[in-house]
Amino acid sequence: MDFLRGPTFKGGGGGTDSTIIYISIEEVVRMTSLSRSTIYRLIKQGKFPAPHQLSSGRIGFINVDAGP
């Protein structure tokens, strides 16, 4: 497991593996076209997935990459 790529999980019967990839808030903003403040407001309201603490000064949002 490296810093931004998390553990690989075996798929549940579908024959595919999934890898958890952590992405930055900047990437989430780019992917969703939402502002940072909107994303954090939605997190507070429970309407957007919360980020995970990766280290003392870094958070990451989970983006699951379905394997081949």
N, C-alpha and C. Protein backbone atom coordinates (compact mmCIF):
# COMPACT_ATOMS: atom_id res chain seq x y z
N MET A 1 0.86 -1.17 0.00
CA MET A 1 0.00 0.00 0.00
C MET A 1 0.90 1.23 0.00
N ASP A 2 0.76 2.11 -0.99
CA ASP A 2 1.52 3.35 -0.97
C ASP A 2 0.65 4.49 -0.45
N PHE A 3 1.18 5.70 -0.46
CA PHE A 3 0.53 6.83 0.22
C PHE A 3 -0.86 7.14 -0.33
N LEU A 4 -1.02 7.20 -1.65
CA LEU A 4 -2.30 7.57 -2.22
C LEU A 4 -3.10 6.38 -2.73
N ARG A 5 -2.48 5.25 -2.83
CA ARG A 5 -3.19 4.05 -3.30
C ARG A 5 -3.30 3.11 -2.11
N GLY A 6 -4.50 2.83 -1.72
CA GLY A 6 -4.76 2.02 -0.54
C GLY A 6 -4.73 0.54 -0.87
N PRO A 7 -5.31 -0.26 0.01
CA PRO A 7 -5.30 -1.71 -0.18
C PRO A 7 -6.21 -2.15 -1.32
N THR A 8 -5.91 -3.32 -1.86
CA THR A 8 -6.74 -3.92 -2.91
C THR A 8 -7.68 -4.92 -2.25
N PHE A 9 -8.94 -4.87 -2.64
CA PHE A 9 -9.94 -5.78 -2.10
C PHE A 9 -10.45 -6.66 -3.22
N LYS A 10 -10.63 -7.93 -2.91
CA LYS A 10 -11.21 -8.86 -3.88
C LYS A 10 -12.68 -8.56 -4.04
N GLY A 11 -13.13 -8.56 -5.29
CA GLY A 11 -14.55 -8.31 -5.56
C GLY A 11 -15.41 -9.43 -5.02
N GLY A 12 -16.62 -9.12 -4.73
CA GLY A 12 -17.54 -10.10 -4.13
C GLY A 12 -18.26 -10.92 -5.16
N GLY A 13 -17.58 -11.82 -5.83
CA GLY A 13 -18.24 -12.73 -6.75
C GLY A 13 -18.33 -12.22 -8.18
N GLY A 14 -18.04 -10.97 -8.41
CA GLY A 14 -18.10 -10.43 -9.75
C GLY A 14 -16.85 -10.69 -10.57
N GLY A 15 -15.82 -11.23 -9.91
CA GLY A 15 -14.60 -11.56 -10.63
C GLY A 15 -13.67 -10.38 -10.81
N THR A 16 -13.96 -9.24 -10.20
CA THR A 16 -13.08 -8.08 -10.33
C THR A 16 -12.53 -7.69 -8.98
N ASP A 17 -11.36 -7.07 -9.00
CA ASP A 17 -10.75 -6.53 -7.81
C ASP A 17 -10.95 -5.03 -7.82
N SER A 18 -10.96 -4.42 -6.65
CA SER A 18 -11.06 -2.97 -6.54
C SER A 18 -9.89 -2.46 -5.72
N THR A 19 -9.36 -1.32 -6.11
CA THR A 19 -8.29 -0.66 -5.39
C THR A 19 -8.82 0.66 -4.89
N ILE A 20 -8.60 0.94 -3.62
CA ILE A 20 -9.00 2.23 -3.08
C ILE A 20 -7.91 3.24 -3.40
N ILE A 21 -8.31 4.34 -4.02
CA ILE A 21 -7.40 5.42 -4.34
C ILE A 21 -7.87 6.65 -3.59
N TYR A 22 -6.95 7.32 -2.89
CA TYR A 22 -7.28 8.54 -2.18
C TYR A 22 -6.97 9.73 -3.08
N ILE A 23 -7.92 10.65 -3.19
CA ILE A 23 -7.74 11.84 -4.01
C ILE A 23 -7.87 13.09 -3.14
N SER A 24 -7.26 14.15 -3.59
CA SER A 24 -7.26 15.40 -2.84
C SER A 24 -8.56 16.17 -3.03
N ILE A 25 -8.79 17.14 -2.16
CA ILE A 25 -9.97 18.00 -2.29
C ILE A 25 -9.96 18.72 -3.64
N GLU A 26 -8.77 19.10 -4.11
CA GLU A 26 -8.67 19.77 -5.41
C GLU A 26 -9.18 18.88 -6.54
N GLU A 27 -8.86 17.59 -6.44
CA GLU A 27 -9.34 16.64 -7.46
C GLU A 27 -10.85 16.44 -7.35
N VAL A 28 -11.37 16.41 -6.12
CA VAL A 28 -12.82 16.29 -5.92
C VAL A 28 -13.53 17.51 -6.52
N VAL A 29 -12.97 18.70 -6.29
CA VAL A 29 -13.54 19.93 -6.87
C VAL A 29 -13.56 19.83 -8.39
N ARG A 30 -12.46 19.37 -8.97
CA ARG A 30 -12.37 19.25 -10.43
C ARG A 30 -13.37 18.23 -10.97
N MET A 31 -13.51 17.11 -10.27
CA MET A 31 -14.39 16.04 -10.75
C MET A 31 -15.87 16.37 -10.60
N THR A 32 -16.22 17.13 -9.57
CA THR A 32 -17.63 17.39 -9.28
C THR A 32 -18.11 18.76 -9.74
N SER A 33 -17.19 19.68 -10.00
CA SER A 33 -17.51 21.08 -10.32
C SER A 33 -18.17 21.80 -9.15
N LEU A 34 -18.02 21.25 -7.94
CA LEU A 34 -18.51 21.91 -6.74
C LEU A 34 -17.36 22.69 -6.11
N SER A 35 -17.69 23.76 -5.40
CA SER A 35 -16.64 24.52 -4.71
C SER A 35 -16.24 23.76 -3.44
N ARG A 36 -15.06 24.11 -2.91
CA ARG A 36 -14.59 23.50 -1.67
C ARG A 36 -15.60 23.71 -0.55
N SER A 37 -16.11 24.95 -0.46
CA SER A 37 -17.04 25.26 0.63
C SER A 37 -18.34 24.45 0.50
N THR A 38 -18.80 24.24 -0.73
CA THR A 38 -20.01 23.44 -0.95
C THR A 38 -19.75 21.99 -0.55
N ILE A 39 -18.60 21.46 -0.92
CA ILE A 39 -18.26 20.08 -0.56
C ILE A 39 -18.23 19.92 0.95
N TYR A 40 -17.57 20.84 1.66
CA TYR A 40 -17.49 20.74 3.11
C TYR A 40 -18.85 20.95 3.78
N ARG A 41 -19.68 21.79 3.21
CA ARG A 41 -21.03 21.98 3.73
C ARG A 41 -21.84 20.68 3.56
N LEU A 42 -21.73 20.04 2.40
CA LEU A 42 -22.44 18.78 2.16
C LEU A 42 -21.93 17.67 3.09
N ILE A 43 -20.63 17.67 3.37
CA ILE A 43 -20.07 16.70 4.31
C ILE A 43 -20.70 16.90 5.68
N LYS A 44 -20.75 18.15 6.12
CA LYS A 44 -21.32 18.47 7.43
C LYS A 44 -22.79 18.04 7.52
N GLN A 45 -23.52 18.14 6.40
CA GLN A 45 -24.93 17.75 6.35
C GLN A 45 -25.11 16.24 6.17
N GLY A 46 -24.02 15.52 5.97
CA GLY A 46 -24.10 14.08 5.76
C GLY A 46 -24.52 13.69 4.36
N LYS A 47 -24.38 14.61 3.40
CA LYS A 47 -24.81 14.37 2.02
C LYS A 47 -23.64 14.11 1.07
N PHE A 48 -22.42 14.10 1.59
CA PHE A 48 -21.22 13.86 0.77
C PHE A 48 -20.27 13.04 1.63
N PRO A 49 -19.57 12.07 1.04
CA PRO A 49 -18.66 11.23 1.83
C PRO A 49 -17.55 12.06 2.48
N ALA A 50 -17.30 11.80 3.74
CA ALA A 50 -16.25 12.51 4.47
C ALA A 50 -14.86 12.01 4.04
N PRO A 51 -13.87 12.89 4.12
CA PRO A 51 -12.49 12.47 3.80
C PRO A 51 -11.92 11.62 4.93
N HIS A 52 -10.80 10.97 4.64
CA HIS A 52 -10.09 10.16 5.62
C HIS A 52 -8.76 10.83 5.94
N GLN A 53 -8.36 10.76 7.20
CA GLN A 53 -7.08 11.32 7.63
C GLN A 53 -5.98 10.38 7.17
N LEU A 54 -5.07 10.85 6.32
CA LEU A 54 -3.98 10.01 5.82
C LEU A 54 -2.70 10.20 6.63
N SER A 55 -2.51 11.40 7.14
CA SER A 55 -1.40 11.71 8.03
C SER A 55 -1.81 12.92 8.84
N SER A 56 -0.89 13.44 9.64
CA SER A 56 -1.27 14.56 10.51
C SER A 56 -1.66 15.81 9.73
N GLY A 57 -1.17 15.97 8.52
CA GLY A 57 -1.49 17.16 7.76
C GLY A 57 -2.14 16.90 6.41
N ARG A 58 -2.66 15.70 6.21
CA ARG A 58 -3.20 15.36 4.89
C ARG A 58 -4.46 14.53 5.02
N ILE A 59 -5.46 14.90 4.22
CA ILE A 59 -6.69 14.12 4.12
C ILE A 59 -6.84 13.64 2.68
N GLY A 60 -7.64 12.62 2.50
CA GLY A 60 -7.92 12.12 1.16
C GLY A 60 -9.33 11.60 1.08
N PHE A 61 -9.93 11.80 -0.06
CA PHE A 61 -11.26 11.27 -0.33
C PHE A 61 -11.09 9.96 -1.08
N ILE A 62 -11.93 9.00 -0.76
CA ILE A 62 -11.82 7.68 -1.41
C ILE A 62 -12.45 7.74 -2.80
N ASN A 63 -11.70 7.21 -3.75
CA ASN A 63 -12.17 7.02 -5.12
C ASN A 63 -11.84 5.57 -5.45
N VAL A 64 -12.85 4.72 -5.55
CA VAL A 64 -12.61 3.29 -5.80
C VAL A 64 -12.41 3.07 -7.29
N ASP A 65 -11.30 2.43 -7.61
CA ASP A 65 -10.94 2.11 -8.98
C ASP A 65 -11.23 0.64 -9.21
N ALA A 66 -12.22 0.33 -10.03
CA ALA A 66 -12.53 -1.07 -10.36
C ALA A 66 -11.42 -1.61 -11.23
N GLY A 67 -10.88 -2.75 -10.84
CA GLY A 67 -9.77 -3.35 -11.55
C GLY A 67 -10.19 -3.92 -12.90
N PRO A 68 -9.20 -4.45 -13.63
CA PRO A 68 -9.47 -5.02 -14.96
C PRO A 68 -10.38 -6.22 -14.96
